[in-house]
Protein backbone atom coordinates (compact mmCIF):
# COMPACT_ATOMS: atom_id res chain seq x y z
CA MET A 1 -43.30 16.83 22.00
CA THR A 2 -44.82 15.27 18.99
CA GLY A 3 -43.55 17.36 15.82
CA GLU A 4 -42.11 15.96 13.21
CA ASN A 5 -38.70 17.84 13.03
CA ASP A 6 -38.28 17.66 17.08
CA ILE A 7 -34.87 16.27 18.46
CA ASP A 8 -36.63 14.32 20.74
CA ASP A 9 -38.87 11.62 18.05
CA GLN A 10 -36.89 9.00 16.39
CA PRO A 11 -34.36 11.06 14.30
CA THR A 12 -34.83 10.93 10.56
CA GLY A 13 -33.33 12.52 7.27
CA TRP A 14 -31.82 15.90 8.74
CA ASN A 15 -32.64 15.72 12.23
CA ILE A 16 -30.23 13.01 12.63
CA HIS A 17 -27.16 15.36 13.12
CA ALA A 18 -29.18 17.32 15.43
CA ALA A 19 -29.90 14.00 17.52
CA THR A 20 -26.61 13.36 17.32
CA LEU A 21 -25.46 17.00 18.70
CA LYS A 22 -28.14 16.75 21.54
CA GLY A 23 -26.49 13.79 22.59
CA LEU A 24 -22.66 14.65 22.81
CA LYS A 25 -24.46 17.84 25.29
CA ARG A 26 -26.56 15.07 27.34
CA PHE A 27 -22.45 12.97 27.23
CA PRO A 28 -19.58 15.65 26.87
CA ASN A 29 -16.97 13.05 28.41
CA VAL A 30 -18.33 10.76 25.55
CA GLY A 31 -16.89 12.79 22.93
CA THR A 32 -13.47 13.48 24.56
CA GLN A 33 -12.86 9.85 25.27
CA ALA A 34 -13.49 8.93 21.87
CA LYS A 35 -11.15 12.22 20.48
CA LYS A 36 -8.13 10.59 22.90
CA GLU A 37 -8.53 7.31 21.69
CA ARG A 38 -9.23 8.27 17.77
CA ASP A 39 -5.80 10.09 18.35
CA GLU A 40 -4.05 7.41 20.02
CA PHE A 41 -5.09 4.78 16.95
CA GLU A 42 -4.06 7.18 14.43
CA ARG A 43 -0.75 8.06 16.23
CA GLU A 44 -0.46 4.05 16.55
CA LYS A 45 -1.27 3.73 12.96
CA SER A 46 1.29 6.49 11.88
CA MET A 47 4.39 4.57 13.79
CA ASN A 48 3.49 1.66 11.96
CA SER A 49 3.61 2.81 8.77
CA LEU A 50 6.69 4.38 9.27
CA ALA A 51 8.16 1.20 10.40
CA THR A 52 7.02 -0.24 7.02
CA VAL A 53 8.57 2.04 5.43
CA ASP A 54 11.81 1.27 6.84
CA ILE A 55 11.62 -2.49 6.40
CA LEU A 56 10.41 -2.16 2.79
CA PRO A 57 13.21 -0.90 0.48
CA LYS A 58 11.37 0.43 -2.67
CA PRO A 59 12.76 -2.22 -5.79
CA LYS A 60 14.77 -0.93 -7.77
CA TRP A 61 13.41 -1.86 -11.91
CA LEU A 62 15.65 -2.32 -14.92
CA THR A 63 15.01 -1.74 -18.64
CA ILE A 64 16.58 -4.20 -20.62
CA GLU A 65 19.39 -1.62 -21.26
CA GLN A 66 20.05 -1.51 -17.93
CA LEU A 67 20.18 -4.83 -17.69
CA LEU A 68 23.06 -5.30 -20.58
CA GLN A 69 25.41 -3.35 -18.31
CA ILE A 70 24.78 -5.90 -15.51
CA LEU A 71 24.67 -8.98 -17.66
CA PRO A 72 27.71 -10.07 -20.38
CA LEU A 73 24.56 -11.04 -22.85
CA LYS A 74 22.97 -9.76 -26.52
CA LYS A 75 20.14 -7.98 -26.65
CA SER A 76 18.61 -10.92 -28.62
CA ARG A 77 19.38 -13.51 -25.83
CA ILE A 78 17.90 -11.82 -23.13
CA TYR A 79 14.69 -11.46 -25.54
CA TYR A 80 15.00 -15.36 -26.23
CA MET A 81 15.57 -15.93 -22.25
CA THR A 82 12.65 -14.11 -21.23
CA HIS A 83 9.98 -15.61 -23.78
CA ILE A 84 11.19 -19.45 -23.34
CA GLY A 85 10.86 -18.14 -19.15
CA ALA A 86 14.62 -18.98 -18.20
CA ILE A 87 14.92 -15.33 -16.84
CA PRO A 88 12.78 -13.56 -14.25
CA HIS A 89 10.89 -10.58 -15.87
CA HIS A 90 7.55 -8.59 -15.87
CA LYS A 91 6.02 -7.04 -19.07
CA ILE A 92 3.47 -3.91 -18.33
CA GLY A 93 2.37 -3.83 -22.09
CA GLN A 94 5.30 -4.04 -24.49
CA THR A 95 7.69 -2.79 -21.81
CA LEU A 96 10.20 -5.78 -20.07
CA LEU A 97 10.93 -4.77 -16.51
CA PHE A 98 13.97 -6.40 -14.61
CA ARG A 99 14.19 -6.35 -10.73
CA GLU A 100 17.52 -5.64 -9.97
CA ASP A 101 17.32 -8.08 -6.57
CA GLU A 102 15.35 -10.94 -8.85
CA ILE A 103 17.99 -11.14 -11.28
CA LEU A 104 21.03 -11.07 -8.91
CA GLN A 105 19.18 -13.95 -6.96
CA TRP A 106 18.31 -15.92 -10.24
CA MET A 107 22.24 -15.18 -11.09
CA GLU A 108 23.14 -16.67 -7.68
CA GLY A 109 20.58 -19.79 -8.54
CA ASN A 110 22.30 -20.08 -12.01
CA LYS A 111 25.91 -20.38 -10.29
CA VAL A 112 27.89 -23.72 -11.55
CA LYS A 113 29.34 -25.39 -8.69
CA PRO A 114 32.82 -26.79 -9.09
């Protein structure tokens, strides 16, 4: 057949979908095998994402007021230390944020040796 909309001709435009369906009817096991492989891939992907969630805990972010409860410093001193880069911090807009794990590590690093 040589019609413009014939599926046996090279598919173009809307006929691509019809040609794909016709191809799957010719080889019914191909679609089933592909579905099995896709399902297995999705299952492994979901298992990997669950493992990642368990391994990487969410960091706890502290505001400057919360940091003042941990460190025995004045607010102005903390602002000065962030200004000179002496304390690990993050700045989003005008908001200063501190990761609790980075602060604890920084405190251990600044420990005075006897």
